[in-house]
């Protein structure tokens, strides 16, 4: 069965997810450089302490939020890497015409892990729907269409 549309959509999604992962690593590196830079910390603290309504505890809370945000960035990057792996497994299943339903399930899981409403996830959802809905032609229908009936009984379409 020809599954060119699923192949193209999933390959585009892999490329977009890989680009997003690279940008995620770059963003994480910049974030960690800023977070660990003593000059940035001193500047940030001076700016925060210039506001008379903020206390030292509030500044420490901002540092805690920065640390949580760094962990969240790692979680997103790990999810995107898992998404790439599942997408590649789905592509291999489609390419060899093994199991289209398994590939569709892999595409849906990869779409959720790659970002629920990102462009690559939407492409994966469409590829998964195509995997579930495209059916190969039935062999029985071909047999009935090629047989000739001498009696006047009706044959299936």
Protein backbone atom coordinates (compact mmCIF):
# COMPACT_ATOMS: atom_id res chain seq x y z
CA UNK A 1 0.00 0.00 0.00
CA UNK A 2 1.25 3.46 -0.87
CA UNK A 3 1.76 5.56 2.27
CA UNK A 4 3.64 8.50 0.81
CA UNK A 5 1.60 11.13 2.66
CA UNK A 6 2.32 9.56 6.06
CA UNK A 7 6.01 9.27 5.23
CA UNK A 8 6.32 12.89 4.12
CA UNK A 9 4.37 14.30 7.09
CA UNK A 10 6.33 12.28 9.63
CA UNK A 11 9.71 13.14 8.09
CA UNK A 12 8.84 16.85 8.15
CA UNK A 13 7.75 16.45 11.79
CA UNK A 14 11.07 14.76 12.70
CA UNK A 15 13.03 17.60 11.12
CA UNK A 16 10.95 20.27 12.89
CA UNK A 17 11.21 18.49 16.25
CA UNK A 18 14.97 18.10 15.83
CA UNK A 19 15.31 21.81 15.07
CA UNK A 20 13.20 22.59 18.14
CA UNK A 21 15.39 20.33 20.26
CA UNK A 22 18.56 22.08 19.06
CA UNK A 23 17.02 25.48 19.85
CA UNK A 24 15.96 24.11 23.24
CA UNK A 25 19.55 23.12 24.03
CA UNK A 26 20.79 26.54 22.92
CA UNK A 27 18.16 28.28 25.05
CA UNK A 28 19.04 26.10 28.04
CA UNK A 29 22.73 26.91 27.64
CA UNK A 30 22.01 30.65 27.50
CA UNK A 31 19.69 30.37 30.49
CA UNK A 32 22.33 28.50 32.53
CA UNK A 33 25.01 31.04 31.56
CA UNK A 34 22.81 33.89 32.72
CA UNK A 35 21.76 32.10 35.88
CA UNK A 36 25.33 31.27 36.93
CA UNK A 37 26.91 34.58 35.92
CA UNK A 38 27.84 36.54 39.09
CA UNK A 39 27.60 39.85 37.28
CA UNK A 40 24.06 39.08 36.11
CA UNK A 41 23.12 38.00 39.66
CA UNK A 42 24.49 41.23 41.13
CA UNK A 43 22.72 43.34 38.51
CA UNK A 44 19.47 41.45 39.00
CA UNK A 45 19.67 41.76 42.76
CA UNK A 46 20.43 45.48 42.57
CA UNK A 47 17.47 46.00 40.25
CA UNK A 48 15.17 44.02 42.52
CA UNK A 49 16.33 45.78 45.69
CA UNK A 50 15.74 49.17 44.05
CA UNK A 51 12.04 48.42 44.34
CA UNK A 52 11.08 49.29 47.95
CA UNK A 53 8.19 46.82 48.04
CA UNK A 54 10.43 43.76 47.53
CA UNK A 55 12.34 42.08 50.33
CA UNK A 56 15.31 39.72 50.30
CA UNK A 57 12.89 36.78 50.60
CA UNK A 58 11.19 37.88 47.40
CA UNK A 59 14.53 37.95 45.59
CA UNK A 60 15.29 34.42 46.85
CA UNK A 61 11.86 33.34 45.58
CA UNK A 62 12.80 34.60 42.10
CA UNK A 63 15.99 32.50 42.22
CA UNK A 64 13.91 29.46 43.18
CA UNK A 65 11.59 30.11 40.24
CA UNK A 66 14.63 30.33 37.94
CA UNK A 67 15.84 26.92 39.17
CA UNK A 68 12.39 25.37 38.64
CA UNK A 69 12.25 26.90 35.15
CA UNK A 70 15.62 25.32 34.31
CA UNK A 71 14.30 21.92 35.36
CA UNK A 72 11.18 22.47 33.28
CA UNK A 73 13.33 23.25 30.24
CA UNK A 74 15.15 19.95 30.73
CA UNK A 75 11.80 18.14 30.94
CA UNK A 76 10.68 19.69 27.64
CA UNK A 77 13.95 18.75 25.91
CA UNK A 78 13.76 15.15 27.14
CA UNK A 79 10.16 14.93 25.91
CA UNK A 80 11.23 16.20 22.49
CA UNK A 81 14.05 13.64 22.28
CA UNK A 82 11.62 10.83 23.14
CA UNK A 83 9.26 12.27 20.52
CA UNK A 84 11.98 12.05 17.87
CA UNK A 85 12.72 8.42 18.75
CA UNK A 86 9.04 7.41 18.66
CA UNK A 87 8.56 9.26 15.39
CA UNK A 88 11.49 7.41 13.82
CA UNK A 89 10.07 4.07 15.03
CA UNK A 90 6.74 5.01 13.41
CA UNK A 91 8.47 5.95 10.16
CA UNK A 92 10.27 2.59 10.07
CA UNK A 93 6.94 0.78 10.58
CA UNK A 94 5.32 2.78 7.77
CA UNK A 95 8.30 2.41 5.43
CA UNK A 96 8.33 -1.38 5.64
CA UNK A 97 4.50 -1.61 5.56
CA UNK A 98 4.59 -3.57 8.81
CA UNK A 99 1.91 -2.26 11.13
CA UNK A 100 0.16 1.00 10.30
CA UNK A 101 -1.84 1.04 13.54
CA UNK A 102 1.31 0.78 15.64
CA UNK A 103 2.87 3.59 13.62
CA UNK A 104 -0.27 5.70 14.17
CA UNK A 105 -0.05 5.14 17.92
CA UNK A 106 3.64 6.07 17.87
CA UNK A 107 2.83 9.24 15.92
CA UNK A 108 0.17 10.29 18.45
CA UNK A 109 2.45 9.70 21.44
CA UNK A 110 5.31 11.52 19.66
CA UNK A 111 2.94 14.40 18.92
CA UNK A 112 1.93 14.73 22.55
CA UNK A 113 5.53 14.61 23.77
CA UNK A 114 6.78 16.99 21.07
CA UNK A 115 4.37 19.74 22.09
CA UNK A 116 0.63 19.30 22.06
CA UNK A 117 -0.18 22.10 19.59
CA UNK A 118 3.10 22.67 17.76
CA UNK A 119 3.31 22.41 13.99
CA UNK A 120 5.24 19.14 14.14
CA UNK A 121 2.62 17.63 16.45
CA UNK A 122 -0.22 18.63 14.15
CA UNK A 123 1.61 16.98 11.25
CA UNK A 124 2.02 13.83 13.33
CA UNK A 125 -1.68 13.82 14.25
CA UNK A 126 -2.62 14.03 10.57
CA UNK A 127 -0.19 11.21 9.73
CA UNK A 128 -1.69 9.11 12.55
CA UNK A 129 -5.22 9.69 11.28
CA UNK A 130 -4.09 8.62 7.81
CA UNK A 131 -2.50 5.49 9.30
CA UNK A 132 -5.76 4.58 11.01
CA UNK A 133 -8.11 5.37 8.12
CA UNK A 134 -6.29 4.10 5.01
CA UNK A 135 -7.16 0.48 4.44
CA UNK A 136 -5.62 -1.84 1.87
CA UNK A 137 -8.02 -3.19 -0.76
CA UNK A 138 -9.68 -6.42 0.31
CA UNK A 139 -8.62 -9.55 -1.51
CA UNK A 140 -12.14 -11.06 -1.40
CA UNK A 141 -13.57 -8.16 -3.40
CA UNK A 142 -11.03 -8.78 -6.14
CA UNK A 143 -12.00 -12.45 -6.31
CA UNK A 144 -15.69 -11.69 -6.61
CA UNK A 145 -15.12 -9.03 -9.26
CA UNK A 146 -13.11 -11.42 -11.46
CA UNK A 147 -15.38 -14.46 -11.18
CA UNK A 148 -18.08 -15.01 -13.74
CA UNK A 149 -21.37 -16.45 -12.53
CA UNK A 150 -23.39 -18.61 -14.87
CA UNK A 151 -26.46 -18.48 -12.73
CA UNK A 152 -28.35 -15.26 -12.22
CA UNK A 153 -27.52 -14.88 -8.54
CA UNK A 154 -26.43 -11.54 -7.34
CA UNK A 155 -22.82 -11.03 -6.48
CA UNK A 156 -21.38 -8.56 -3.97
CA UNK A 157 -20.09 -5.26 -5.22
